[in-house]
Amino acid sequence: MSGILYIIGTPIGNLEDMTLRQLRMLEEVDFVCAEDTRVTMKLLNRYELKKQLVSFHEHSSPAEAQRIIDRLLSGENGGIVTDAGMPCISDPGEVLVRLCAENSIDVKVVPGPSAVVSAAALSGMNIRRFTFEGFLPVPKKERSERLELLRNETAVMIFYEAPHKLRSTLADMADFFGAERRITICRELTKVHEETLRLTLGEAVEYYTAHEPKGEFVLVLEGRSPDEDGGITLEQALEQVRALVDHGEKPTDACKAVAKETGFRKGELYSAFCGE
């Protein structure tokens, strides 16, 4: 009989946020898969837990993943943690969960803190609907395409961002969504220097022009107002195509992306674009 893989949440900053169940499961499992064993070792030492750590991260090979699956199939119970927060959310742990499903291995969750949900709660926005976008793509073309697809999103959008990319990300958001769009910026959640700023995108750009970004950020961006006219004309759709092409996208790919977002047919957009 195969063992069980436990998805075990860990604190996103404050080690006091461990739950009794998390501690018990870390003690009971046979081994723990960790994104960075050095980070996880600090957590285990804090609570005087001794456990075999198995390194598993985004660069781990399929063979390393299979070795973990083989241990579970042999009857061992394993846990998986990430450096901070819930594993398998923008995290390589999702690979193990998928392999467990393919091998009929039971997976259970031991929930813990989440930066996404914590920032959503702090935002003060209407969070009946939200979309988690993780990190925006770094290459300019891919980033522009992603933002263009989100231009008419009415749900709140939540992003992660690193300090060295924050200024450019806020500037890009202001260009695509407008300087008056509201954003809540959560920095260093649950840590000593935790900070929450509720601004417009224009104000956020000005603030971080004057202040050096430090720490890890979660950005909670207001969605497009449902009261705005939801219709889009062919000319407006073509403007989106032009914007993507100006950022290096091939016309066919740009038309395909905009067609998916607006409802216009790809061929219709391509014909109109090429006929200009």
Protein backbone atom coordinates (compact mmCIF):
# COMPACT_ATOMS: atom_id res chain seq x y z
CA MET A 1 0.00 0.00 0.00
CA SER A 2 1.40 3.37 -1.02
CA GLY A 3 2.04 6.20 1.37
CA ILE A 4 0.61 9.71 1.42
CA LEU A 5 2.07 13.01 0.24
CA TYR A 6 1.16 15.87 2.58
CA ILE A 7 1.19 19.43 1.22
CA ILE A 8 2.28 21.35 4.30
CA GLY A 9 1.95 25.12 4.48
CA THR A 10 4.66 27.12 6.25
CA PRO A 11 4.86 30.73 7.51
CA ILE A 12 5.27 33.47 4.91
CA GLY A 13 7.53 35.45 7.23
CA ASN A 14 6.71 35.05 10.90
CA LEU A 15 7.71 31.64 12.27
CA GLU A 16 5.06 31.94 14.98
CA ASP A 17 2.41 31.30 12.32
CA MET A 18 3.03 27.54 12.42
CA THR A 19 -0.03 25.50 13.40
CA LEU A 20 -0.15 22.49 15.70
CA ARG A 21 -1.15 20.25 12.82
CA GLN A 22 1.71 21.46 10.62
CA LEU A 23 4.19 20.70 13.39
CA ARG A 24 2.68 17.27 14.00
CA MET A 25 2.77 16.32 10.33
CA LEU A 26 6.37 17.49 9.92
CA GLU A 27 7.24 15.24 12.84
CA GLU A 28 5.25 12.23 11.61
CA VAL A 29 6.20 12.01 7.92
CA ASP A 30 9.20 9.92 6.90
CA PHE A 31 10.81 12.66 4.83
CA VAL A 32 10.20 16.27 3.76
CA CYS A 33 10.69 17.63 0.24
CA ALA A 34 11.97 21.20 0.46
CA GLU A 35 12.50 23.91 -2.15
CA ASP A 36 15.61 25.12 -0.28
CA THR A 37 16.77 22.75 2.45
CA ARG A 38 18.68 25.53 4.20
CA VAL A 39 15.51 27.59 4.65
CA THR A 40 13.48 24.59 5.82
CA MET A 41 16.25 23.55 8.23
CA LYS A 42 15.92 26.89 10.02
CA LEU A 43 12.21 26.23 10.49
CA LEU A 44 12.79 22.69 11.76
CA ASN A 45 15.51 23.86 14.14
CA ARG A 46 13.21 26.57 15.51
CA TYR A 47 10.81 23.84 16.65
CA GLU A 48 13.47 21.23 17.45
CA LEU A 49 12.32 18.84 14.74
CA LYS A 50 14.73 16.36 13.18
CA LYS A 51 13.68 15.12 9.77
CA GLN A 52 15.32 13.90 6.57
CA LEU A 53 15.15 16.67 3.96
CA VAL A 54 14.99 15.93 0.24
CA SER A 55 15.83 18.77 -2.10
CA PHE A 56 13.14 19.37 -4.74
CA HIS A 57 13.04 22.61 -6.73
CA GLU A 58 12.36 24.00 -10.20
CA HIS A 59 15.63 22.62 -11.55
CA SER A 60 15.14 19.10 -10.17
CA SER A 61 15.24 16.39 -12.82
CA PRO A 62 12.44 13.96 -13.70
CA ALA A 63 14.62 11.22 -12.20
CA GLU A 64 14.71 13.05 -8.85
CA ALA A 65 10.92 13.42 -8.92
CA GLN A 66 10.54 9.73 -9.72
CA ARG A 67 12.73 8.75 -6.75
CA ILE A 68 10.32 10.62 -4.47
CA ILE A 69 7.34 8.91 -6.10
CA ASP A 70 9.03 5.52 -5.67
CA ARG A 71 9.44 6.16 -1.94
CA LEU A 72 5.75 7.01 -1.65
CA LEU A 73 4.79 3.92 -3.66
CA SER A 74 6.88 1.81 -1.28
CA GLY A 75 4.70 2.94 1.63
CA GLU A 76 6.60 5.92 3.06
CA ASN A 77 4.72 9.13 3.90
CA GLY A 78 6.25 12.36 2.65
CA GLY A 79 5.67 16.04 3.16
CA ILE A 80 6.32 18.88 0.77
CA VAL A 81 7.02 22.45 1.85
CA THR A 82 8.08 25.61 0.11
CA ASP A 83 10.34 28.36 1.42
CA ALA A 84 7.33 30.40 2.50
CA GLY A 85 3.59 29.87 2.32
CA MET A 86 1.59 27.18 0.55
CA PRO A 87 3.49 24.73 -1.66
CA CYS A 88 2.37 24.11 -5.25
CA ILE A 89 1.25 27.74 -5.80
CA SER A 90 3.74 29.22 -8.30
CA ASP A 91 5.96 26.46 -6.93
CA PRO A 92 7.60 23.29 -8.30
CA GLY A 93 5.65 21.15 -5.84
CA GLU A 94 2.82 21.00 -8.37
CA VAL A 95 4.94 18.49 -10.33
CA LEU A 96 4.88 16.01 -7.45
CA VAL A 97 1.14 16.41 -6.94
CA ARG A 98 0.55 15.70 -10.63
CA LEU A 99 2.79 12.61 -10.51
CA CYS A 100 0.98 11.39 -7.40
CA ALA A 101 -2.33 11.68 -9.24
CA GLU A 102 -0.90 9.71 -12.18
CA ASN A 103 0.31 6.99 -9.80
CA SER A 104 -2.84 6.85 -7.63
CA ILE A 105 -0.97 8.14 -4.58
CA ASP A 106 -3.13 9.89 -2.01
CA VAL A 107 -2.38 13.60 -1.44
CA LYS A 108 -3.66 15.56 1.56
CA VAL A 109 -3.31 19.24 2.40
CA VAL A 110 -2.21 20.74 5.71
CA PRO A 111 -3.12 24.39 5.05
CA GLY A 112 -1.15 27.39 6.19
CA PRO A 113 -0.56 31.07 5.45
CA SER A 114 -0.83 32.36 1.89
CA ALA A 115 0.58 35.67 0.67
CA VAL A 116 -2.13 35.83 -2.00
CA VAL A 117 -5.06 35.54 0.40
CA SER A 118 -3.38 37.70 3.05
CA ALA A 119 -2.83 40.54 0.57
CA ALA A 120 -6.37 40.20 -0.77
CA ALA A 121 -7.74 40.59 2.77
CA LEU A 122 -5.58 43.66 3.36
CA SER A 123 -6.49 45.36 0.09
CA GLY A 124 -9.84 46.81 1.14
CA MET A 125 -11.17 45.97 -2.33
CA ASN A 126 -14.18 43.88 -3.32
CA ILE A 127 -12.64 40.39 -3.38
CA ARG A 128 -15.73 38.43 -4.41
CA ARG A 129 -13.73 37.57 -7.53
CA PHE A 130 -9.99 37.69 -8.03
CA THR A 131 -7.42 36.21 -10.38
CA PHE A 132 -3.92 35.24 -9.28
CA GLU A 133 -1.38 36.12 -11.97
CA GLY A 134 1.86 35.30 -10.13
CA PHE A 135 4.93 37.02 -11.60
CA LEU A 136 4.53 38.88 -14.88
CA PRO A 137 6.78 37.66 -17.69
CA VAL A 138 10.13 39.44 -17.85
CA PRO A 139 10.63 39.70 -21.66
CA LYS A 140 8.99 42.87 -22.94
CA LYS A 141 6.93 41.19 -25.65
CA GLU A 142 5.46 38.51 -23.39
CA ARG A 143 4.81 41.03 -20.63
CA SER A 144 2.95 43.35 -22.97
CA GLU A 145 0.84 40.51 -24.29
CA ARG A 146 -0.11 39.40 -20.77
CA LEU A 147 -1.05 42.94 -19.71
CA GLU A 148 -3.02 43.47 -22.91
CA LEU A 149 -5.05 40.35 -22.22
CA LEU A 150 -5.79 41.65 -18.71
CA ARG A 151 -6.79 45.14 -19.84
CA ASN A 152 -10.53 44.42 -19.63
CA GLU A 153 -10.40 42.08 -16.60
CA THR A 154 -13.12 43.05 -14.11
CA ALA A 155 -11.90 40.83 -11.26
CA VAL A 156 -9.23 42.00 -8.83
CA MET A 157 -5.79 40.89 -10.08
CA ILE A 158 -3.05 39.76 -7.69
CA PHE A 159 0.63 39.67 -8.66
CA TYR A 160 3.93 38.82 -7.00
CA GLU A 161 6.91 41.09 -7.63
CA ALA A 162 10.55 41.32 -6.65
CA PRO A 163 12.00 44.66 -5.48
CA HIS A 164 14.37 45.15 -8.41
CA LYS A 165 11.50 44.88 -10.91
CA LEU A 166 8.80 46.78 -9.00
CA ARG A 167 9.34 50.20 -10.59
CA SER A 168 9.16 48.92 -14.15
CA THR A 169 6.12 46.77 -13.33
CA LEU A 170 4.21 49.69 -11.83
CA ALA A 171 5.10 51.88 -14.82
CA ASP A 172 3.90 49.20 -17.24
CA MET A 173 0.66 48.76 -15.29
CA ALA A 174 0.02 52.50 -15.34
CA ASP A 175 0.52 52.50 -19.13
CA PHE A 176 -1.92 49.65 -19.70
CA PHE A 177 -4.56 50.25 -17.00
CA GLY A 178 -4.37 54.00 -16.48
CA ALA A 179 -2.84 56.13 -13.74
CA GLU A 180 -6.14 56.33 -11.81
CA ARG A 181 -6.57 52.56 -11.36
CA ARG A 182 -6.35 51.65 -7.65
CA ILE A 183 -3.67 49.31 -6.34
CA THR A 184 -2.80 47.97 -2.89
CA ILE A 185 0.89 47.22 -2.41
CA CYS A 186 1.72 44.76 0.38
CA ARG A 187 5.37 44.56 1.38
CA GLU A 188 7.07 42.04 3.68
CA LEU A 189 3.82 40.46 4.88
CA THR A 190 3.89 39.27 8.54
CA LYS A 191 7.51 40.41 8.94
CA VAL A 192 8.97 43.19 11.10
CA HIS A 193 8.79 45.80 8.33
CA GLU A 194 5.34 44.85 7.01
CA GLU A 195 3.74 47.71 5.09
CA THR A 196 0.50 48.19 3.16
CA LEU A 197 0.02 51.10 0.76
CA ARG A 198 -3.32 51.86 -0.91
CA LEU A 199 -2.70 54.15 -3.88
CA THR A 200 -3.53 54.79 -7.50
CA LEU A 201 -1.06 53.45 -10.05
CA GLY A 202 0.08 57.00 -10.75
CA GLU A 203 0.72 57.63 -7.07
CA ALA A 204 2.51 54.28 -6.75
CA VAL A 205 4.88 55.17 -9.60
CA GLU A 206 5.65 58.52 -7.95
CA TYR A 207 6.14 56.94 -4.52
CA TYR A 208 8.61 54.34 -5.69
CA THR A 209 10.45 56.86 -7.83
CA ALA A 210 11.26 58.62 -4.55
CA HIS A 211 11.65 55.48 -2.40
CA GLU A 212 13.88 52.48 -3.01
CA PRO A 213 11.81 49.25 -3.18
CA LYS A 214 12.91 46.79 -0.51
CA GLY A 215 11.54 43.37 0.40
CA GLU A 216 9.04 41.09 -1.31
CA PHE A 217 5.85 42.55 -2.76
CA VAL A 218 2.29 41.41 -3.45
CA LEU A 219 0.33 43.75 -5.72
CA VAL A 220 -3.47 43.79 -5.56
CA LEU A 221 -4.80 45.62 -8.60
CA GLU A 222 -8.38 46.79 -8.97
CA GLY A 223 -10.25 45.30 -11.91
CA ARG A 224 -11.95 47.26 -14.63
CA SER A 225 -15.19 48.76 -13.36
CA PRO A 226 -18.27 46.71 -14.36
CA ASP A 227 -20.08 50.02 -14.87
CA GLU A 228 -17.86 50.84 -17.81
CA ASP A 229 -19.12 50.01 -21.28
CA GLY A 230 -18.13 46.38 -21.78
CA GLY A 231 -18.45 46.54 -25.57
CA ILE A 232 -15.42 47.00 -27.75
CA THR A 233 -15.35 48.27 -31.32
CA LEU A 234 -13.29 46.82 -34.13
CA GLU A 235 -11.11 49.92 -34.06
CA GLN A 236 -10.46 49.47 -30.35
CA ALA A 237 -9.56 45.83 -30.96
CA LEU A 238 -7.18 46.93 -33.72
CA GLU A 239 -5.56 49.36 -31.28
CA GLN A 240 -4.78 46.40 -29.06
CA VAL A 241 -3.33 44.53 -32.04
CA ARG A 242 -1.15 47.53 -32.93
CA ALA A 243 0.08 47.81 -29.35
CA LEU A 244 1.18 44.18 -29.33
CA VAL A 245 2.85 44.49 -32.73
CA ASP A 246 4.65 47.64 -31.58
CA HIS A 247 6.06 45.60 -28.70
CA GLY A 248 7.45 42.99 -31.10
CA GLU A 249 4.57 40.52 -31.46
CA LYS A 250 3.96 38.95 -34.88
CA PRO A 251 0.70 40.23 -36.45
CA THR A 252 -0.80 36.73 -36.58
CA ASP A 253 -0.01 36.09 -32.91
CA ALA A 254 -1.26 39.54 -31.90
CA CYS A 255 -4.55 39.00 -33.74
CA LYS A 256 -4.96 35.59 -32.13
CA ALA A 257 -4.41 37.00 -28.64
CA VAL A 258 -6.80 39.93 -29.12
CA ALA A 259 -9.44 37.71 -30.75
CA LYS A 260 -9.42 35.48 -27.66
CA GLU A 261 -9.95 38.49 -25.41
CA THR A 262 -12.49 40.50 -27.46
CA GLY A 263 -14.58 37.96 -29.31
CA PHE A 264 -13.62 39.20 -32.76
CA ARG A 265 -12.46 36.53 -35.22
CA LYS A 266 -8.70 36.25 -35.76
CA GLY A 267 -9.13 36.43 -39.55
CA GLU A 268 -11.32 39.51 -39.26
CA LEU A 269 -8.70 41.31 -37.18
CA TYR A 270 -5.85 40.19 -39.43
CA SER A 271 -7.61 41.35 -42.58
CA ALA A 272 -8.45 44.72 -41.06
CA PHE A 273 -4.89 45.14 -39.73
CA CYS A 274 -3.20 44.24 -43.02
CA GLY A 275 -5.60 46.44 -44.96
CA GLU A 276 -4.59 49.57 -43.06
